[in-house]
Amino acid sequence: MDDQRDKIELLRTVAHPARIKILEELAKGVKCVSDFGDFLGINQPNVSQHLAALRSKGVIDFYMDGRLRCYFLVDAFIPDLLGILKKQYDSPLPAPACCPVTRKGKYPGERRR
């Protein structure tokens, strides 16, 4: 699989509110399975499904500490992605002055839908 497809699949995998919360917590450090249910407000089987999906894409992994599964981030891209998602932008990008091909036409000032 090519690199672009891998990135697209990664974005599809993390594009869920519960998974984003899981990744935000793991960015702070290692968490055990029991820690996730407390802040996610979802049942244990559902938490396990989200963790399995993230693990299957190589985003996270775990180790056993006695009977506890302790999860941690593996993919170095995730902290950068989380930072971008948290970033606040004050304004949109500036409008073009004209068409880059014909060098004519002016942006009317209103976005067309």
PDB file of N, CA and C in Angstrom:
ATOM      1  N   MET A   1       0.849  -1.181   0.000  1.00  0.00           N
ATOM      2  CA  MET A   1       0.000   0.000   0.000  1.00  0.00           C
ATOM      3  C   MET A   1       0.890   1.238   0.000  1.00  0.00           C
ATOM      4  N   ASP A   2       0.485   2.269  -0.726  1.00  0.00           N
ATOM      5  CA  ASP A   2       1.319   3.453  -0.794  1.00  0.00           C
ATOM      6  C   ASP A   2       1.117   4.351   0.422  1.00  0.00           C
ATOM      7  N   ASP A   3       2.040   5.281   0.586  1.00  0.00           N
ATOM      8  CA  ASP A   3       2.063   6.137   1.770  1.00  0.00           C
ATOM      9  C   ASP A   3       0.795   6.985   1.896  1.00  0.00           C
ATOM     10  N   GLN A   4       0.297   7.506   0.784  1.00  0.00           N
ATOM     11  CA  GLN A   4      -0.908   8.337   0.835  1.00  0.00           C
ATOM     12  C   GLN A   4      -2.118   7.526   1.297  1.00  0.00           C
ATOM     13  N   ARG A   5      -2.255   6.310   0.797  1.00  0.00           N
ATOM     14  CA  ARG A   5      -3.369   5.461   1.235  1.00  0.00           C
ATOM     15  C   ARG A   5      -3.254   5.131   2.715  1.00  0.00           C
ATOM     16  N   ASP A   6      -2.038   4.887   3.182  1.00  0.00           N
ATOM     17  CA  ASP A   6      -1.826   4.615   4.600  1.00  0.00           C
ATOM     18  C   ASP A   6      -2.289   5.788   5.448  1.00  0.00           C
ATOM     19  N   LYS A   7      -1.973   6.995   5.016  1.00  0.00           N
ATOM     20  CA  LYS A   7      -2.381   8.195   5.771  1.00  0.00           C
ATOM     21  C   LYS A   7      -3.894   8.363   5.753  1.00  0.00           C
ATOM     22  N   ILE A   8      -4.500   8.086   4.615  1.00  0.00           N
ATOM     23  CA  ILE A   8      -5.959   8.185   4.516  1.00  0.00           C
ATOM     24  C   ILE A   8      -6.618   7.180   5.455  1.00  0.00           C
ATOM     25  N   GLU A   9      -6.118   5.953   5.468  1.00  0.00           N
ATOM     26  CA  GLU A   9      -6.660   4.930   6.366  1.00  0.00           C
ATOM     27  C   GLU A   9      -6.453   5.317   7.832  1.00  0.00           C
ATOM     28  N   LEU A  10      -5.303   5.895   8.136  1.00  0.00           N
ATOM     29  CA  LEU A  10      -5.036   6.344   9.498  1.00  0.00           C
ATOM     30  C   LEU A  10      -6.043   7.413   9.911  1.00  0.00           C
ATOM     31  N   LEU A  11      -6.293   8.376   9.036  1.00  0.00           N
ATOM     32  CA  LEU A  11      -7.258   9.430   9.348  1.00  0.00           C
ATOM     33  C   LEU A  11      -8.663   8.870   9.516  1.00  0.00           C
ATOM     34  N   ARG A  12      -9.034   7.900   8.698  1.00  0.00           N
ATOM     35  CA  ARG A  12     -10.350   7.256   8.853  1.00  0.00           C
ATOM     36  C   ARG A  12     -10.456   6.549  10.199  1.00  0.00           C
ATOM     37  N   THR A  13      -9.378   5.929  10.602  1.00  0.00           N
ATOM     38  CA  THR A  13      -9.386   5.185  11.864  1.00  0.00           C
ATOM     39  C   THR A  13      -9.528   6.113  13.058  1.00  0.00           C
ATOM     40  N   VAL A  14      -8.818   7.216  13.072  1.00  0.00           N
ATOM     41  CA  VAL A  14      -8.856   8.095  14.251  1.00  0.00           C
ATOM     42  C   VAL A  14     -10.041   9.053  14.240  1.00  0.00           C
ATOM     43  N   ALA A  15     -10.776   9.134  13.124  1.00  0.00           N
ATOM     44  CA  ALA A  15     -11.870  10.093  12.984  1.00  0.00           C
ATOM     45  C   ALA A  15     -13.130   9.646  13.721  1.00  0.00           C
ATOM     46  N   HIS A  16     -13.034   9.552  15.011  1.00  0.00           N
ATOM     47  CA  HIS A  16     -14.182   9.208  15.858  1.00  0.00           C
ATOM     48  C   HIS A  16     -13.968   9.929  17.185  1.00  0.00           C
ATOM     49  N   PRO A  17     -15.000  10.558  17.740  1.00  0.00           N
ATOM     50  CA  PRO A  17     -14.819  11.320  18.982  1.00  0.00           C
ATOM     51  C   PRO A  17     -14.193  10.515  20.125  1.00  0.00           C
ATOM     52  N   ALA A  18     -14.608   9.273  20.299  1.00  0.00           N
ATOM     53  CA  ALA A  18     -14.047   8.454  21.384  1.00  0.00           C
ATOM     54  C   ALA A  18     -12.565   8.156  21.130  1.00  0.00           C
ATOM     55  N   ARG A  19     -12.223   7.900  19.883  1.00  0.00           N
ATOM     56  CA  ARG A  19     -10.824   7.589  19.566  1.00  0.00           C
ATOM     57  C   ARG A  19      -9.932   8.810  19.719  1.00  0.00           C
ATOM     58  N   ILE A  20     -10.451   9.970  19.369  1.00  0.00           N
ATOM     59  CA  ILE A  20      -9.677  11.206  19.577  1.00  0.00           C
ATOM     60  C   ILE A  20      -9.422  11.394  21.065  1.00  0.00           C
ATOM     61  N   LYS A  21     -10.439  11.179  21.897  1.00  0.00           N
ATOM     62  CA  LYS A  21     -10.261  11.307  23.349  1.00  0.00           C
ATOM     63  C   LYS A  21      -9.251  10.293  23.866  1.00  0.00           C
ATOM     64  N   ILE A  22      -9.316   9.081  23.364  1.00  0.00           N
ATOM     65  CA  ILE A  22      -8.350   8.051  23.765  1.00  0.00           C
ATOM     66  C   ILE A  22      -6.938   8.501  23.413  1.00  0.00           C
ATOM     67  N   LEU A  23      -6.758   8.986  22.208  1.00  0.00           N
ATOM     68  CA  LEU A  23      -5.429   9.418  21.770  1.00  0.00           C
ATOM     69  C   LEU A  23      -4.935  10.624  22.559  1.00  0.00           C
ATOM     70  N   GLU A  24      -5.835  11.536  22.887  1.00  0.00           N
ATOM     71  CA  GLU A  24      -5.441  12.689  23.712  1.00  0.00           C
ATOM     72  C   GLU A  24      -4.940  12.235  25.075  1.00  0.00           C
ATOM     73  N   GLU A  25      -5.614  11.256  25.657  1.00  0.00           N
ATOM     74  CA  GLU A  25      -5.171  10.732  26.955  1.00  0.00           C
ATOM     75  C   GLU A  25      -3.849   9.989  26.840  1.00  0.00           C
ATOM     76  N   LEU A  26      -3.694   9.206  25.777  1.00  0.00           N
ATOM     77  CA  LEU A  26      -2.442   8.471  25.595  1.00  0.00           C
ATOM     78  C   LEU A  26      -1.276   9.405  25.286  1.00  0.00           C
ATOM     79  N   ALA A  27      -1.556  10.568  24.713  1.00  0.00           N
ATOM     80  CA  ALA A  27      -0.496  11.550  24.469  1.00  0.00           C
ATOM     81  C   ALA A  27       0.077  12.066  25.788  1.00  0.00           C
ATOM     82  N   LYS A  28      -0.709  11.966  26.855  1.00  0.00           N
ATOM     83  CA  LYS A  28      -0.248  12.381  28.188  1.00  0.00           C
ATOM     84  C   LYS A  28       0.584  11.292  28.853  1.00  0.00           C
ATOM     85  N   GLY A  29       0.412  10.052  28.404  1.00  0.00           N
ATOM     86  CA  GLY A  29       1.157   8.938  28.986  1.00  0.00           C
ATOM     87  C   GLY A  29       0.379   7.639  28.919  1.00  0.00           C
ATOM     88  N   VAL A  30       0.988   6.590  29.444  1.00  0.00           N
ATOM     89  CA  VAL A  30       0.412   5.241  29.422  1.00  0.00           C
ATOM     90  C   VAL A  30      -0.876   5.206  30.240  1.00  0.00           C
ATOM     91  N   LYS A  31      -1.870   4.506  29.705  1.00  0.00           N
ATOM     92  CA  LYS A  31      -3.149   4.339  30.406  1.00  0.00           C
ATOM     93  C   LYS A  31      -3.552   2.871  30.350  1.00  0.00           C
ATOM     94  N   CYS A  32      -4.142   2.405  31.428  1.00  0.00           N
ATOM     95  CA  CYS A  32      -4.670   1.044  31.480  1.00  0.00           C
ATOM     96  C   CYS A  32      -6.127   1.059  31.021  1.00  0.00           C
ATOM     97  N   VAL A  33      -6.610  -0.079  30.606  1.00  0.00           N
ATOM     98  CA  VAL A  33      -7.967  -0.191  30.068  1.00  0.00           C
ATOM     99  C   VAL A  33      -8.996   0.406  31.024  1.00  0.00           C
ATOM    100  N   SER A  34      -8.869   0.136  32.293  1.00  0.00           N
ATOM    101  CA  SER A  34      -9.855   0.623  33.259  1.00  0.00           C
ATOM    102  C   SER A  34      -9.900   2.142  33.324  1.00  0.00           C
ATOM    103  N   ASP A  35      -8.821   2.819  32.946  1.00  0.00           N
ATOM    104  CA  ASP A  35      -8.791   4.292  32.967  1.00  0.00           C
ATOM    105  C   ASP A  35      -9.692   4.899  31.899  1.00  0.00           C
ATOM    106  N   PHE A  36      -9.859   4.218  30.788  1.00  0.00           N
ATOM    107  CA  PHE A  36     -10.595   4.794  29.667  1.00  0.00           C
ATOM    108  C   PHE A  36     -12.093   4.909  29.921  1.00  0.00           C
ATOM    109  N   GLY A  37     -12.684   3.919  30.538  1.00  0.00           N
ATOM    110  CA  GLY A  37     -14.117   3.955  30.788  1.00  0.00           C
ATOM    111  C   GLY A  37     -14.534   5.134  31.642  1.00  0.00           C
ATOM    112  N   ASP A  38     -13.666   5.546  32.557  1.00  0.00           N
ATOM    113  CA  ASP A  38     -13.983   6.653  33.461  1.00  0.00           C
ATOM    114  C   ASP A  38     -14.218   7.968  32.716  1.00  0.00           C
ATOM    115  N   PHE A  39     -13.353   8.320  31.784  1.00  0.00           N
ATOM    116  CA  PHE A  39     -13.494   9.616  31.126  1.00  0.00           C
ATOM    117  C   PHE A  39     -14.258   9.559  29.803  1.00  0.00           C
ATOM    118  N   LEU A  40     -14.418   8.369  29.215  1.00  0.00           N
ATOM    119  CA  LEU A  40     -15.164   8.262  27.965  1.00  0.00           C
ATOM    120  C   LEU A  40     -16.663   8.140  28.177  1.00  0.00           C
ATOM    121  N   GLY A  41     -17.049   7.552  29.287  1.00  0.00           N
ATOM    122  CA  GLY A  41     -18.473   7.366  29.562  1.00  0.00           C
ATOM    123  C   GLY A  41     -19.119   6.316  28.666  1.00  0.00           C
ATOM    124  N   ILE A  42     -18.332   5.335  28.205  1.00  0.00           N
ATOM    125  CA  ILE A  42     -18.881   4.243  27.404  1.00  0.00           C
ATOM    126  C   ILE A  42     -18.503   2.922  28.062  1.00  0.00           C
ATOM    127  N   ASN A  43     -19.197   1.858  27.700  1.00  0.00           N
ATOM    128  CA  ASN A  43     -18.968   0.577  28.361  1.00  0.00           C
ATOM    129  C   ASN A  43     -17.650  -0.073  27.921  1.00  0.00           C
ATOM    130  N   GLN A  44     -17.197  -1.011  28.698  1.00  0.00           N
ATOM    131  CA  GLN A  44     -15.905  -1.662  28.477  1.00  0.00           C
ATOM    132  C   GLN A  44     -15.786  -2.344  27.107  1.00  0.00           C
ATOM    133  N   PRO A  45     -16.798  -3.089  26.647  1.00  0.00           N
ATOM    134  CA  PRO A  45     -16.679  -3.697  25.314  1.00  0.00           C
ATOM    135  C   PRO A  45     -16.487  -2.658  24.203  1.00  0.00           C
ATOM    136  N   ASN A  46     -17.173  -1.521  24.327  1.00  0.00           N
ATOM    137  CA  ASN A  46     -17.034  -0.454  23.334  1.00  0.00           C
ATOM    138  C   ASN A  46     -15.632   0.149  23.380  1.00  0.00           C
ATOM    139  N   VAL A  47     -15.107   0.372  24.577  1.00  0.00           N
ATOM    140  CA  VAL A  47     -13.733   0.867  24.734  1.00  0.00           C
ATOM    141  C   VAL A  47     -12.765  -0.098  24.065  1.00  0.00           C
ATOM    142  N   SER A  48     -12.949  -1.391  24.310  1.00  0.00           N
ATOM    143  CA  SER A  48     -12.069  -2.406  23.733  1.00  0.00           C
ATOM    144  C   SER A  48     -12.108  -2.396  22.209  1.00  0.00           C
ATOM    145  N   GLN A  49     -13.284  -2.163  21.625  1.00  0.00           N
ATOM    146  CA  GLN A  49     -13.400  -2.094  20.173  1.00  0.00           C
ATOM    147  C   GLN A  49     -12.599  -0.920  19.609  1.00  0.00           C
ATOM    148  N   HIS A  50     -12.694   0.227  20.266  1.00  0.00           N
ATOM    149  CA  HIS A  50     -11.946   1.399  19.813  1.00  0.00           C
ATOM    150  C   HIS A  50     -10.440   1.170  19.948  1.00  0.00           C
ATOM    151  N   LEU A  51     -10.028   0.590  21.053  1.00  0.00           N
ATOM    152  CA  LEU A  51      -8.608   0.301  21.252  1.00  0.00           C
ATOM    153  C   LEU A  51      -8.101  -0.695  20.209  1.00  0.00           C
ATOM    154  N   ALA A  52      -8.903  -1.710  19.902  1.00  0.00           N
ATOM    155  CA  ALA A  52      -8.519  -2.708  18.902  1.00  0.00           C
ATOM    156  C   ALA A  52      -8.379  -2.076  17.520  1.00  0.00           C
ATOM    157  N   ALA A  53      -9.278  -1.164  17.180  1.00  0.00           N
ATOM    158  CA  ALA A  53      -9.205  -0.498  15.871  1.00  0.00           C
ATOM    159  C   ALA A  53      -7.926   0.337  15.766  1.00  0.00           C
ATOM    160  N   LEU A  54      -7.605   1.061  16.824  1.00  0.00           N
ATOM    161  CA  LEU A  54      -6.384   1.873  16.825  1.00  0.00           C
ATOM    162  C   LEU A  54      -5.139   0.997  16.784  1.00  0.00           C
ATOM    163  N   ARG A  55      -5.196  -0.094  17.497  1.00  0.00           N
ATOM    164  CA  ARG A  55      -4.048  -1.009  17.529  1.00  0.00           C
ATOM    165  C   ARG A  55      -3.853  -1.703  16.183  1.00  0.00           C
ATOM    166  N   SER A  56      -4.931  -2.051  15.508  1.00  0.00           N
ATOM    167  CA  SER A  56      -4.826  -2.748  14.220  1.00  0.00           C
ATOM    168  C   SER A  56      -4.141  -1.886  13.161  1.00  0.00           C
ATOM    169  N   LYS A  57      -4.223  -0.571  13.300  1.00  0.00           N
ATOM    170  CA  LYS A  57      -3.571   0.343  12.352  1.00  0.00           C
ATOM    171  C   LYS A  57      -2.186   0.769  12.822  1.00  0.00           C
ATOM    172  N   GLY A  58      -1.727   0.226  13.944  1.00  0.00           N
ATOM    173  CA  GLY A  58      -0.383   0.545  14.425  1.00  0.00           C
ATOM    174  C   GLY A  58      -0.263   1.898  15.090  1.00  0.00           C
ATOM    175  N   VAL A  59      -1.395   2.449  15.518  1.00  0.00           N
ATOM    176  CA  VAL A  59      -1.394   3.760  16.167  1.00  0.00           C
ATOM    177  C   VAL A  59      -0.987   3.627  17.631  1.00  0.00           C
ATOM    178  N   ILE A  60      -1.473   2.568  18.272  1.00  0.00           N
ATOM    179  CA  ILE A  60      -1.182   2.314  19.680  1.00  0.00           C
ATOM    180  C   ILE A  60      -0.736   0.861  19.851  1.00  0.00           C
ATOM    181  N   ASP A  61      -0.215   0.549  21.030  1.00  0.00           N
ATOM    182  CA  ASP A  61       0.101  -0.828  21.381  1.00  0.00           C
ATOM    183  C   ASP A  61      -0.095  -0.947  22.892  1.00  0.00           C
ATOM    184  N   PHE A  62       0.114  -2.140  23.425  1.00  0.00           N
ATOM    185  CA  PHE A  62      -0.053  -2.329  24.860  1.00  0.00           C
ATOM    186  C   PHE A  62       0.991  -3.302  25.370  1.00  0.00           C
ATOM    187  N   TYR A  63       1.131  -3.302  26.696  1.00  0.00           N
ATOM    188  CA  TYR A  63       1.924  -4.324  27.382  1.00  0.00           C
ATOM    189  C   TYR A  63       1.112  -4.782  28.581  1.00  0.00           C
ATOM    190  N   MET A  64       1.420  -5.963  29.056  1.00  0.00           N
ATOM    191  CA  MET A  64       0.697  -6.512  30.203  1.00  0.00           C
ATOM    192  C   MET A  64       1.448  -6.175  31.483  1.00  0.00           C
ATOM    193  N   ASP A  65       0.717  -5.671  32.460  1.00  0.00           N
ATOM    194  CA  ASP A  65       1.250  -5.410  33.797  1.00  0.00           C
ATOM    195  C   ASP A  65       0.386  -6.237  34.737  1.00  0.00           C
ATOM    196  N   GLY A  66       0.817  -7.447  34.985  1.00  0.00           N
ATOM    197  CA  GLY A  66      -0.032  -8.381  35.735  1.00  0.00           C
ATOM    198  C   GLY A  66      -1.215  -8.738  34.863  1.00  0.00           C
ATOM    199  N   ARG A  67      -2.411  -8.397  35.351  1.00  0.00           N
ATOM    200  CA  ARG A  67      -3.622  -8.657  34.565  1.00  0.00           C
ATOM    201  C   ARG A  67      -4.090  -7.424  33.797  1.00  0.00           C
ATOM    202  N   LEU A  68      -3.405  -6.321  33.954  1.00  0.00           N
ATOM    203  CA  LEU A  68      -3.815  -5.076  33.300  1.00  0.00           C
ATOM    204  C   LEU A  68      -3.154  -4.914  31.937  1.00  0.00           C
ATOM    205  N   ARG A  69      -3.938  -4.451  30.971  1.00  0.00           N
ATOM    206  CA  ARG A  69      -3.380  -4.059  29.675  1.00  0.00           C
ATOM    207  C   ARG A  69      -3.138  -2.557  29.730  1.00  0.00           C
ATOM    208  N   CYS A  70      -1.907  -2.178  29.521  1.00  0.00           N
ATOM    209  CA  CYS A  70      -1.532  -0.767  29.564  1.00  0.00           C
ATOM    210  C   CYS A  70      -1.186  -0.302  28.148  1.00  0.00           C
ATOM    211  N   TYR A  71      -1.921   0.690  27.654  1.00  0.00           N
ATOM    212  CA  TYR A  71      -1.791   1.165  26.283  1.00  0.00           C
ATOM    213  C   TYR A  71      -0.908   2.396  26.203  1.00  0.00           C
ATOM    214  N   PHE A  72      -0.250   2.542  25.046  1.00  0.00           N
ATOM    215  CA  PHE A  72       0.615   3.692  24.801  1.00  0.00           C
ATOM    216  C   PHE A  72       0.626   4.003  23.306  1.00  0.00           C
ATOM    217  N   LEU A  73       0.988   5.245  22.957  1.00  0.00           N
ATOM    218  CA  LEU A  73       1.076   5.655  21.557  1.00  0.00           C
ATOM    219  C   LEU A  73       2.299   5.045  20.897  1.00  0.00           C
ATOM    220  N   VAL A  74       2.163   4.704  19.627  1.00  0.00           N
ATOM    221  CA  VAL A  74       3.275   4.180  18.833  1.00  0.00           C
ATOM    222  C   VAL A  74       3.580   5.127  17.669  1.00  0.00           C
ATOM    223  N   ASP A  75       2.537   5.603  16.994  1.00  0.00           N
ATOM    224  CA  ASP A  75       2.702   6.426  15.801  1.00  0.00           C
ATOM    225  C   ASP A  75       3.090   7.855  16.187  1.00  0.00           C
ATOM    226  N   ALA A  76       4.265   8.290  15.732  1.00  0.00           N
ATOM    227  CA  ALA A  76       4.777   9.617  16.072  1.00  0.00           C
ATOM    228  C   ALA A  76       3.963  10.745  15.439  1.00  0.00           C
ATOM    229  N   PHE A  77       3.150  10.445  14.456  1.00  0.00           N
ATOM    230  CA  PHE A  77       2.313  11.435  13.788  1.00  0.00           C
ATOM    231  C   PHE A  77       1.158  11.912  14.677  1.00  0.00           C
ATOM    232  N   ILE A  78       0.712  11.075  15.583  1.00  0.00           N
ATOM    233  CA  ILE A  78      -0.490  11.361  16.374  1.00  0.00           C
ATOM    234  C   ILE A  78      -0.376  12.636  17.225  1.00  0.00           C
ATOM    235  N   PRO A  79       0.694  12.864  17.982  1.00  0.00           N
ATOM    236  CA  PRO A  79       0.772  14.128  18.732  1.00  0.00           C
ATOM    237  C   PRO A  79       0.698  15.361  17.824  1.00  0.00           C
ATOM    238  N   ASP A  80       1.309  15.286  16.636  1.00  0.00           N
ATOM    239  CA  ASP A  80       1.227  16.400  15.685  1.00  0.00           C
ATOM    240  C   ASP A  80      -0.212  16.592  15.212  1.00  0.00           C
ATOM    241  N   LEU A  81      -0.881  15.494  14.891  1.00  0.00           N
ATOM    242  CA  LEU A  81      -2.269  15.554  14.438  1.00  0.00           C
ATOM    243  C   LEU A  81      -3.168  16.158  15.525  1.00  0.00           C
ATOM    244  N   LEU A  82      -2.989  15.726  16.753  1.00  0.00           N
ATOM    245  CA  LEU A  82      -3.794  16.255  17.860  1.00  0.00           C
ATOM    246  C   LEU A  82      -3.548  17.746  18.040  1.00  0.00           C
ATOM    247  N   GLY A  83      -2.307  18.164  17.871  1.00  0.00           N
ATOM    248  CA  GLY A  83      -1.981  19.590  17.970  1.00  0.00           C
ATOM    249  C   GLY A  83      -2.689  20.409  16.906  1.00  0.00           C
ATOM    250  N   ILE A  84      -2.738  19.879  15.691  1.00  0.00           N
ATOM    251  CA  ILE A  84      -3.436  20.571  14.603  1.00  0.00           C
ATOM    252  C   ILE A  84      -4.934  20.656  14.895  1.00  0.00           C
ATOM    253  N   LEU A  85      -5.512  19.583  15.408  1.00  0.00           N
ATOM    254  CA  LEU A  85      -6.945  19.582  15.710  1.00  0.00           C
ATOM    255  C   LEU A  85      -7.305  20.574  16.812  1.00  0.00           C
ATOM    256  N   LYS A  86      -6.378  20.822  17.726  1.00  0.00           N
ATOM    257  CA  LYS A  86      -6.638  21.757  18.827  1.00  0.00           C
ATOM    258  C   LYS A  86      -6.380  23.211  18.451  1.00  0.00           C
ATOM    259  N   LYS A  87      -5.632  23.416  17.379  1.00  0.00           N
ATOM    260  CA  LYS A  87      -5.235  24.771  17.003  1.00  0.00           C
ATOM    261  C   LYS A  87      -6.448  25.604  16.610  1.00  0.00           C
ATOM    262  N   GLN A  88      -6.461  26.840  17.068  1.00  0.00           N
ATOM    263  CA  GLN A  88      -7.534  27.771  16.746  1.00  0.00           C
ATOM    264  C   GLN A  88      -7.032  28.751  15.685  1.00  0.00           C
ATOM    265  N   TYR A  89      -7.819  28.950  14.653  1.00  0.00           N
ATOM    266  CA  TYR A  89      -7.464  29.870  13.580  1.00  0.00           C
ATOM    267  C   TYR A  89      -8.362  31.089  13.669  1.00  0.00           C
ATOM    268  N   ASP A  90      -7.745  32.276  13.600  1.00  0.00           N
ATOM    269  CA  ASP A  90      -8.489  33.522  13.754  1.00  0.00           C
ATOM    270  C   ASP A  90      -9.302  33.903  12.529  1.00  0.00           C
ATOM    271  N   SER A  91      -8.783  33.598  11.343  1.00  0.00           N
ATOM    272  CA  SER A  91      -9.487  34.007  10.132  1.00  0.00           C
ATOM    273  C   SER A  91      -9.220  33.009   9.010  1.00  0.00           C
ATOM    274  N   PRO A  92     -10.070  33.041   7.983  1.00  0.00           N
ATOM    275  CA  PRO A  92      -9.837  32.150   6.844  1.00  0.00           C
ATOM    276  C   PRO A  92      -8.660  32.647   6.004  1.00  0.00           C
ATOM    277  N   LEU A  93      -8.241  31.825   5.070  1.00  0.00           N
ATOM    278  CA  LEU A  93      -7.179  32.233   4.156  1.00  0.00           C
ATOM    279  C   LEU A  93      -7.657  33.401   3.302  1.00  0.00           C
ATOM    280  N   PRO A  94      -6.749  34.270   2.859  1.00  0.00           N
ATOM    281  CA  PRO A  94      -7.175  35.403   2.030  1.00  0.00           C
ATOM    282  C   PRO A  94      -7.680  34.935   0.666  1.00  0.00           C
ATOM    283  N   ALA A  95      -8.600  35.703   0.123  1.00  0.00           N
ATOM    284  CA  ALA A  95      -9.177  35.387  -1.184  1.00  0.00           C
ATOM    285  C   ALA A  95      -8.159  35.693  -2.284  1.00  0.00           C
ATOM    286  N   PRO A  96      -8.241  34.982  -3.406  1.00  0.00           N
ATOM    287  CA  PRO A  96      -7.316  35.278  -4.518  1.00  0.00           C
ATOM    288  C   PRO A  96      -7.635  36.626  -5.160  1.00  0.00           C
ATOM    289  N   ALA A  97      -6.598  37.275  -5.674  1.00  0.00           N
ATOM    290  CA  ALA A  97      -6.788  38.560  -6.342  1.00  0.00           C
ATOM    291  C   ALA A  97      -7.384  38.373  -7.733  1.00  0.00           C
ATOM    292  N   CYS A  98      -7.006  37.275  -8.397  1.00  0.00           N
ATOM    293  CA  CYS A  98      -7.527  37.004  -9.733  1.00  0.00           C
ATOM    294  C   CYS A  98      -7.310  35.532 -10.054  1.00  0.00           C
ATOM    295  N   CYS A  99      -7.748  35.129 -11.225  1.00  0.00           N
ATOM    296  CA  CYS A  99      -7.554  33.759 -11.678  1.00  0.00           C
ATOM    297  C   CYS A  99      -6.071  33.558 -12.012  1.00  0.00           C
ATOM    298  N   PRO A 100      -5.428  32.504 -11.493  1.00  0.00           N
ATOM    299  CA  PRO A 100      -4.003  32.316 -11.771  1.00  0.00           C
ATOM    300  C   PRO A 100      -3.702  31.941 -13.221  1.00  0.00           C
ATOM    301  N   VAL A 101      -4.703  31.488 -13.973  1.00  0.00           N
ATOM    302  CA  VAL A 101      -4.483  31.094 -15.367  1.00  0.00           C
ATOM    303  C   VAL A 101      -4.674  32.275 -16.308  1.00  0.00           C
ATOM    304  N   THR A 102      -5.823  32.920 -16.221  1.00  0.00           N
ATOM    305  CA  THR A 102      -6.136  34.007 -17.160  1.00  0.00           C
ATOM    306  C   THR A 102      -5.650  35.361 -16.660  1.00  0.00           C
ATOM    307  N   ARG A 103      -5.362  35.439 -15.380  1.00  0.00           N
ATOM    308  CA  ARG A 103      -4.987  36.712 -14.743  1.00  0.00           C
ATOM    309  C   ARG A 103      -6.104  37.758 -14.868  1.00  0.00           C
ATOM    310  N   LYS A 104      -7.329  37.270 -15.023  1.00  0.00           N
ATOM    311  CA  LYS A 104      -8.488  38.155 -15.115  1.00  0.00           C
ATOM    312  C   LYS A 104      -9.482  37.742 -14.043  1.00  0.00           C
ATOM    313  N   GLY A 105     -10.505  38.498 -13.934  1.00  0.00           N
ATOM    314  CA  GLY A 105     -11.565  38.182 -13.004  1.00  0.00           C
ATOM    315  C   GLY A 105     -11.190  38.582 -11.591  1.00  0.00           C
ATOM    316  N   LYS A 106     -12.147  38.999 -10.848  1.00  0.00           N
ATOM    317  CA  LYS A 106     -11.940  39.403  -9.459  1.00  0.00           C
ATOM    318  C   LYS A 106     -12.828  38.568  -8.557  1.00  0.00           C
ATOM    319  N   TYR A 107     -12.327  38.276  -7.417  1.00  0.00           N
ATOM    320  CA  TYR A 107     -13.107  37.571  -6.420  1.00  0.00           C
ATOM    321  C   TYR A 107     -14.208  38.507  -5.942  1.00  0.00           C
ATOM    322  N   PRO A 108     -15.462  38.076  -6.000  1.00  0.00           N
ATOM    323  CA  PRO A 108     -16.575  38.976  -5.692  1.00  0.00           C
ATOM    324  C   PRO A 108     -16.708  39.328  -4.203  1.00  0.00           C
ATOM    325  N   GLY A 109     -15.977  38.658  -3.349  1.00  0.00           N
ATOM    326  CA  GLY A 109     -16.065  38.980  -1.926  1.00  0.00           C
ATOM    327  C   GLY A 109     -16.995  38.065  -1.148  1.00  0.00           C
ATOM    328  N   GLU A 110     -17.808  37.304  -1.842  1.00  0.00           N
ATOM    329  CA  GLU A 110     -18.696  36.362  -1.185  1.00  0.00           C
ATOM    330  C   GLU A 110     -18.400  34.968  -1.705  1.00  0.00           C
ATOM    331  N   ARG A 111     -18.386  34.022  -0.808  1.00  0.00           N
ATOM    332  CA  ARG A 111     -18.122  32.648  -1.231  1.00  0.00           C
ATOM    333  C   ARG A 111     -19.382  32.089  -1.896  1.00  0.00           C
ATOM    334  N   ARG A 112     -19.190  31.425  -3.008  1.00  0.00           N
ATOM    335  CA  ARG A 112     -20.312  30.799  -3.713  1.00  0.00           C
ATOM    336  C   ARG A 112     -20.508  29.406  -3.174  1.00  0.00           C
ATOM    337  N   ARG A 113     -21.724  28.965  -3.113  1.00  0.00           N
ATOM    338  CA  ARG A 113     -22.005  27.620  -2.592  1.00  0.00           C
ATOM    339  C   ARG A 113     -22.612  26.770  -3.638  1.00  0.00           C
TER     340      ARG A 113
END
